[in-house]
Amino acid sequence: MIIPIFNANQNLENKFLQAEILKIKNDQLSDIARQINSKANIKNIIMTNHFILKNKEILYNKIENNKSLKTQTPYKEIYTAIYKDKLNKDISNSINFIYMIILGLCLFSLQKTARRNSVVPN
């Protein structure tokens, strides 16, 4: 069975966060990585991006709990991007659920119609 939108949300899961990370300067990325883990001292930019993407929930919770971080420029944008990604994922999951219900109802209706119009007598 072909379900076209099932894996669409996996591609969009970090869309806004990745776009925001690309806008941030390298030294600010290191500071953000240290917010996740104080021992993090990642020099490579690609590894820092991957580290932030992997631990986005931890970063989101730290920014949520620390009101002073919410007002600082790079953290505010990161927080907003993670929030948008969460909304995007939730909306996509809801659409998938509705799609499955409609698909199930269509299949049930087709099955019922096929039985009623069958050539084979009951």
N, C-alpha and C. Protein backbone atom coordinates (compact mmCIF):
# COMPACT_ATOMS: atom_id res chain seq x y z
N MET A 1 0.85 -1.17 0.00
CA MET A 1 0.00 0.00 0.00
C MET A 1 0.90 1.24 0.00
N ILE A 2 0.58 2.19 -0.80
CA ILE A 2 1.38 3.41 -0.91
C ILE A 2 0.80 4.47 0.02
N ILE A 3 1.64 4.95 0.92
CA ILE A 3 1.24 6.02 1.84
C ILE A 3 2.23 7.16 1.63
N PRO A 4 1.88 8.16 0.86
CA PRO A 4 2.85 9.15 0.42
C PRO A 4 3.37 10.09 1.49
N ILE A 5 2.59 10.35 2.53
CA ILE A 5 3.04 11.38 3.47
C ILE A 5 3.56 10.80 4.77
N PHE A 6 3.76 9.49 4.84
CA PHE A 6 4.19 8.90 6.10
C PHE A 6 5.58 9.35 6.53
N ASN A 7 6.53 9.39 5.64
CA ASN A 7 7.89 9.75 6.02
C ASN A 7 8.24 11.19 5.71
N ALA A 8 7.27 11.97 5.36
CA ALA A 8 7.54 13.37 5.01
C ALA A 8 8.02 14.16 6.22
N ASN A 9 7.50 13.84 7.42
CA ASN A 9 7.89 14.62 8.59
C ASN A 9 9.31 14.32 9.03
N GLN A 10 9.88 13.19 8.65
CA GLN A 10 11.27 12.90 9.01
C GLN A 10 12.22 13.83 8.29
N ASN A 11 11.90 14.22 7.08
CA ASN A 11 12.74 15.15 6.34
C ASN A 11 12.63 16.57 6.89
N LEU A 12 11.51 16.90 7.46
CA LEU A 12 11.27 18.26 7.95
C LEU A 12 11.46 18.39 9.45
N GLU A 13 11.93 17.36 10.11
CA GLU A 13 11.99 17.35 11.57
C GLU A 13 12.87 18.46 12.13
N ASN A 14 13.98 18.77 11.49
CA ASN A 14 14.90 19.80 11.97
C ASN A 14 15.06 20.95 10.98
N LYS A 15 14.07 21.17 10.17
CA LYS A 15 14.17 22.16 9.09
C LYS A 15 14.49 23.56 9.61
N PHE A 16 13.71 24.05 10.55
CA PHE A 16 13.90 25.41 11.06
C PHE A 16 15.17 25.52 11.89
N LEU A 17 15.47 24.49 12.67
CA LEU A 17 16.67 24.51 13.50
C LEU A 17 17.93 24.52 12.64
N GLN A 18 17.96 23.72 11.60
CA GLN A 18 19.12 23.70 10.71
C GLN A 18 19.31 25.06 10.03
N ALA A 19 18.23 25.67 9.62
CA ALA A 19 18.33 26.98 8.98
C ALA A 19 18.85 28.02 9.96
N GLU A 20 18.43 27.93 11.21
CA GLU A 20 18.87 28.89 12.22
C GLU A 20 20.34 28.67 12.59
N ILE A 21 20.76 27.42 12.65
CA ILE A 21 22.16 27.11 12.97
C ILE A 21 23.08 27.67 11.90
N LEU A 22 22.65 27.63 10.65
CA LEU A 22 23.48 28.16 9.57
C LEU A 22 23.67 29.68 9.68
N LYS A 23 22.74 30.37 10.32
CA LYS A 23 22.84 31.82 10.46
C LYS A 23 23.76 32.25 11.61
N ILE A 24 23.98 31.35 12.57
CA ILE A 24 24.71 31.70 13.79
C ILE A 24 26.22 31.61 13.56
N LYS A 25 26.95 32.49 14.21
CA LYS A 25 28.41 32.50 14.12
C LYS A 25 29.00 31.31 14.87
N ASN A 26 30.24 30.97 14.52
CA ASN A 26 30.89 29.77 15.07
C ASN A 26 31.09 29.85 16.58
N ASP A 27 31.52 31.00 17.10
CA ASP A 27 31.75 31.10 18.54
C ASP A 27 30.44 31.01 19.32
N GLN A 28 29.36 31.50 18.74
CA GLN A 28 28.06 31.38 19.40
C GLN A 28 27.58 29.93 19.38
N LEU A 29 27.90 29.20 18.32
CA LEU A 29 27.54 27.78 18.28
C LEU A 29 28.24 27.01 19.39
N SER A 30 29.50 27.33 19.64
CA SER A 30 30.23 26.67 20.72
C SER A 30 29.60 26.98 22.07
N ASP A 31 29.15 28.22 22.26
CA ASP A 31 28.48 28.58 23.51
C ASP A 31 27.17 27.82 23.67
N ILE A 32 26.45 27.66 22.59
CA ILE A 32 25.19 26.91 22.63
C ILE A 32 25.47 25.45 22.95
N ALA A 33 26.52 24.88 22.37
CA ALA A 33 26.88 23.49 22.66
C ALA A 33 27.27 23.34 24.13
N ARG A 34 27.92 24.36 24.71
CA ARG A 34 28.28 24.29 26.13
C ARG A 34 27.05 24.41 27.03
N GLN A 35 25.97 25.01 26.54
CA GLN A 35 24.74 25.04 27.32
C GLN A 35 24.14 23.65 27.45
N ILE A 36 24.32 22.85 26.43
CA ILE A 36 23.81 21.48 26.47
C ILE A 36 24.66 20.64 27.41
N ASN A 37 25.98 20.72 27.22
CA ASN A 37 26.91 19.96 28.05
C ASN A 37 28.09 20.87 28.34
N SER A 38 28.32 21.16 29.62
CA SER A 38 29.36 22.11 29.99
C SER A 38 30.76 21.63 29.62
N LYS A 39 30.92 20.34 29.42
CA LYS A 39 32.22 19.78 29.05
C LYS A 39 32.43 19.76 27.54
N ALA A 40 31.43 20.17 26.80
CA ALA A 40 31.52 20.14 25.34
C ALA A 40 32.50 21.21 24.86
N ASN A 41 33.52 20.76 24.17
CA ASN A 41 34.49 21.68 23.58
C ASN A 41 34.74 21.21 22.16
N ILE A 42 33.78 21.48 21.32
CA ILE A 42 33.81 20.96 19.96
C ILE A 42 34.36 22.04 19.04
N LYS A 43 35.46 21.74 18.38
CA LYS A 43 36.10 22.71 17.48
C LYS A 43 35.53 22.65 16.07
N ASN A 44 35.16 21.47 15.64
CA ASN A 44 34.66 21.28 14.28
C ASN A 44 33.22 21.80 14.18
N ILE A 45 32.95 22.63 13.22
CA ILE A 45 31.62 23.24 13.07
C ILE A 45 30.56 22.19 12.73
N ILE A 46 30.90 21.25 11.88
CA ILE A 46 29.95 20.21 11.48
C ILE A 46 29.57 19.36 12.69
N MET A 47 30.56 19.02 13.51
CA MET A 47 30.27 18.23 14.71
C MET A 47 29.42 19.03 15.70
N THR A 48 29.66 20.32 15.79
CA THR A 48 28.87 21.17 16.68
C THR A 48 27.42 21.22 16.20
N ASN A 49 27.21 21.37 14.91
CA ASN A 49 25.85 21.37 14.36
C ASN A 49 25.15 20.06 14.66
N HIS A 50 25.84 18.95 14.44
CA HIS A 50 25.27 17.63 14.70
C HIS A 50 24.96 17.46 16.18
N PHE A 51 25.85 17.94 17.04
CA PHE A 51 25.66 17.84 18.49
C PHE A 51 24.42 18.62 18.93
N ILE A 52 24.25 19.81 18.38
CA ILE A 52 23.08 20.63 18.73
C ILE A 52 21.80 19.99 18.21
N LEU A 53 21.82 19.47 16.99
CA LEU A 53 20.63 18.81 16.44
C LEU A 53 20.26 17.57 17.23
N LYS A 54 21.27 16.83 17.65
CA LYS A 54 21.02 15.59 18.39
C LYS A 54 20.45 15.86 19.78
N ASN A 55 20.87 16.95 20.39
CA ASN A 55 20.46 17.27 21.77
C ASN A 55 19.53 18.47 21.83
N LYS A 56 18.68 18.62 20.85
CA LYS A 56 17.83 19.81 20.79
C LYS A 56 16.80 19.85 21.92
N GLU A 57 16.35 18.69 22.39
CA GLU A 57 15.38 18.68 23.49
C GLU A 57 16.00 19.19 24.78
N ILE A 58 17.24 18.80 25.03
CA ILE A 58 17.94 19.26 26.23
C ILE A 58 18.12 20.78 26.16
N LEU A 59 18.53 21.26 25.00
CA LEU A 59 18.72 22.70 24.81
C LEU A 59 17.40 23.45 24.96
N TYR A 60 16.34 22.90 24.41
CA TYR A 60 15.02 23.53 24.50
C TYR A 60 14.59 23.66 25.96
N ASN A 61 14.79 22.58 26.74
CA ASN A 61 14.41 22.61 28.15
C ASN A 61 15.26 23.59 28.95
N LYS A 62 16.56 23.68 28.64
CA LYS A 62 17.43 24.63 29.36
C LYS A 62 17.02 26.06 29.07
N ILE A 63 16.71 26.36 27.82
CA ILE A 63 16.27 27.71 27.48
C ILE A 63 14.91 28.00 28.10
N GLU A 64 14.05 27.00 28.12
CA GLU A 64 12.71 27.15 28.71
C GLU A 64 12.81 27.48 30.20
N ASN A 65 13.72 26.82 30.90
CA ASN A 65 13.85 27.01 32.34
C ASN A 65 14.63 28.27 32.71
N ASN A 66 15.51 28.74 31.85
CA ASN A 66 16.34 29.91 32.13
C ASN A 66 15.79 31.11 31.36
N LYS A 67 15.12 32.00 32.08
CA LYS A 67 14.46 33.15 31.43
C LYS A 67 15.46 34.12 30.83
N SER A 68 16.67 34.22 31.39
CA SER A 68 17.65 35.16 30.84
C SER A 68 18.17 34.69 29.48
N LEU A 69 18.21 33.37 29.26
CA LEU A 69 18.64 32.85 27.96
C LEU A 69 17.61 33.14 26.87
N LYS A 70 16.34 33.18 27.27
CA LYS A 70 15.27 33.42 26.29
C LYS A 70 15.38 34.80 25.64
N THR A 71 15.97 35.75 26.35
CA THR A 71 16.06 37.11 25.81
C THR A 71 17.31 37.34 24.98
N GLN A 72 18.31 36.48 25.11
CA GLN A 72 19.55 36.65 24.35
C GLN A 72 19.32 36.23 22.91
N THR A 73 19.94 36.97 22.01
CA THR A 73 19.67 36.83 20.58
C THR A 73 19.83 35.42 20.01
N PRO A 74 20.97 34.76 20.11
CA PRO A 74 21.03 33.45 19.42
C PRO A 74 20.12 32.41 20.07
N TYR A 75 19.95 32.50 21.39
CA TYR A 75 19.13 31.52 22.08
C TYR A 75 17.65 31.70 21.76
N LYS A 76 17.24 32.95 21.61
CA LYS A 76 15.83 33.22 21.29
C LYS A 76 15.46 32.63 19.94
N GLU A 77 16.35 32.79 18.96
CA GLU A 77 16.09 32.25 17.63
C GLU A 77 16.12 30.72 17.63
N ILE A 78 17.07 30.15 18.37
CA ILE A 78 17.16 28.69 18.47
C ILE A 78 15.90 28.13 19.13
N TYR A 79 15.47 28.78 20.20
CA TYR A 79 14.26 28.36 20.92
C TYR A 79 13.05 28.39 19.99
N THR A 80 12.91 29.47 19.24
CA THR A 80 11.80 29.61 18.30
C THR A 80 11.87 28.56 17.20
N ALA A 81 13.08 28.29 16.70
CA ALA A 81 13.24 27.29 15.64
C ALA A 81 12.88 25.89 16.13
N ILE A 82 13.32 25.55 17.35
CA ILE A 82 12.98 24.23 17.90
C ILE A 82 11.47 24.13 18.10
N TYR A 83 10.85 25.20 18.58
CA TYR A 83 9.41 25.21 18.78
C TYR A 83 8.66 25.03 17.46
N LYS A 84 9.12 25.71 16.41
CA LYS A 84 8.49 25.56 15.09
C LYS A 84 8.65 24.14 14.57
N ASP A 85 9.82 23.53 14.80
CA ASP A 85 10.02 22.15 14.37
C ASP A 85 9.10 21.20 15.12
N LYS A 86 8.90 21.46 16.42
CA LYS A 86 7.97 20.62 17.20
C LYS A 86 6.55 20.75 16.65
N LEU A 87 6.13 21.99 16.39
CA LEU A 87 4.79 22.20 15.83
C LEU A 87 4.64 21.52 14.48
N ASN A 88 5.66 21.65 13.66
CA ASN A 88 5.65 21.04 12.33
C ASN A 88 5.51 19.52 12.44
N LYS A 89 6.23 18.93 13.37
CA LYS A 89 6.17 17.48 13.56
C LYS A 89 4.80 17.06 14.08
N ASP A 90 4.26 17.80 15.05
CA ASP A 90 2.94 17.47 15.59
C ASP A 90 1.84 17.59 14.54
N ILE A 91 1.91 18.64 13.75
CA ILE A 91 0.92 18.82 12.68
C ILE A 91 1.02 17.70 11.66
N SER A 92 2.23 17.33 11.32
CA SER A 92 2.44 16.25 10.35
C SER A 92 1.90 14.92 10.89
N ASN A 93 2.15 14.66 12.17
CA ASN A 93 1.62 13.43 12.77
C ASN A 93 0.10 13.42 12.79
N SER A 94 -0.51 14.57 13.07
CA SER A 94 -1.97 14.66 13.07
C SER A 94 -2.54 14.43 11.68
N ILE A 95 -1.88 15.02 10.68
CA ILE A 95 -2.33 14.83 9.30
C ILE A 95 -2.21 13.37 8.90
N ASN A 96 -1.12 12.71 9.30
CA ASN A 96 -0.96 11.29 8.99
C ASN A 96 -2.05 10.45 9.63
N PHE A 97 -2.41 10.79 10.87
CA PHE A 97 -3.47 10.05 11.56
C PHE A 97 -4.81 10.22 10.84
N ILE A 98 -5.13 11.45 10.48
CA ILE A 98 -6.38 11.71 9.76
C ILE A 98 -6.37 11.01 8.40
N TYR A 99 -5.23 11.03 7.73
CA TYR A 99 -5.08 10.35 6.45
C TYR A 99 -5.35 8.86 6.59
N MET A 100 -4.83 8.25 7.64
CA MET A 100 -5.05 6.81 7.85
C MET A 100 -6.52 6.50 8.12
N ILE A 101 -7.19 7.36 8.88
CA ILE A 101 -8.62 7.14 9.14
C ILE A 101 -9.42 7.23 7.83
N ILE A 102 -9.14 8.24 7.03
CA ILE A 102 -9.85 8.40 5.75
C ILE A 102 -9.55 7.23 4.82
N LEU A 103 -8.29 6.80 4.77
CA LEU A 103 -7.92 5.66 3.94
C LEU A 103 -8.64 4.40 4.40
N GLY A 104 -8.73 4.19 5.71
CA GLY A 104 -9.44 3.03 6.24
C GLY A 104 -10.92 3.06 5.88
N LEU A 105 -11.54 4.23 5.98
CA LEU A 105 -12.95 4.36 5.61
C LEU A 105 -13.17 4.11 4.12
N CYS A 106 -12.26 4.59 3.30
CA CYS A 106 -12.37 4.35 1.85
C CYS A 106 -12.26 2.86 1.53
N LEU A 107 -11.31 2.19 2.15
CA LEU A 107 -11.14 0.76 1.91
C LEU A 107 -12.36 -0.03 2.39
N PHE A 108 -12.92 0.36 3.54
CA PHE A 108 -14.12 -0.30 4.04
C PHE A 108 -15.28 -0.10 3.08
N SER A 109 -15.43 1.11 2.56
CA SER A 109 -16.51 1.40 1.62
C SER A 109 -16.33 0.61 0.32
N LEU A 110 -15.11 0.53 -0.18
CA LEU A 110 -14.86 -0.24 -1.40
C LEU A 110 -15.14 -1.72 -1.19
N GLN A 111 -14.77 -2.22 -0.03
CA GLN A 111 -15.00 -3.64 0.27
C GLN A 111 -16.50 -3.92 0.33
N LYS A 112 -17.24 -3.02 0.97
CA LYS A 112 -18.68 -3.19 1.09
C LYS A 112 -19.35 -3.13 -0.29
N THR A 113 -18.92 -2.20 -1.13
CA THR A 113 -19.47 -2.07 -2.48
C THR A 113 -19.13 -3.30 -3.32
N ALA A 114 -17.94 -3.81 -3.18
CA ALA A 114 -17.53 -4.99 -3.95
C ALA A 114 -18.36 -6.20 -3.56
N ARG A 115 -18.68 -6.34 -2.28
CA ARG A 115 -19.51 -7.48 -1.85
C ARG A 115 -20.93 -7.35 -2.39
N ARG A 116 -21.45 -6.13 -2.40
CA ARG A 116 -22.82 -5.90 -2.84
C ARG A 116 -22.95 -6.12 -4.35
N ASN A 117 -21.96 -5.75 -5.12
CA ASN A 117 -22.02 -5.86 -6.58
C ASN A 117 -21.36 -7.14 -7.09
N SER A 118 -21.16 -8.08 -6.24
CA SER A 118 -20.46 -9.31 -6.62
C SER A 118 -21.30 -10.14 -7.58
N VAL A 119 -20.63 -10.84 -8.48
CA VAL A 119 -21.29 -11.71 -9.45
C VAL A 119 -21.70 -13.02 -8.77
N VAL A 120 -20.94 -13.43 -7.78
CA VAL A 120 -21.21 -14.68 -7.09
C VAL A 120 -22.42 -14.49 -6.17
N PRO A 121 -23.45 -15.35 -6.30
CA PRO A 121 -24.63 -15.20 -5.44
C PRO A 121 -24.31 -15.62 -4.00
N ASN A 122 -25.06 -15.04 -3.08
CA ASN A 122 -24.87 -15.37 -1.66
C ASN A 122 -25.40 -16.72 -1.32
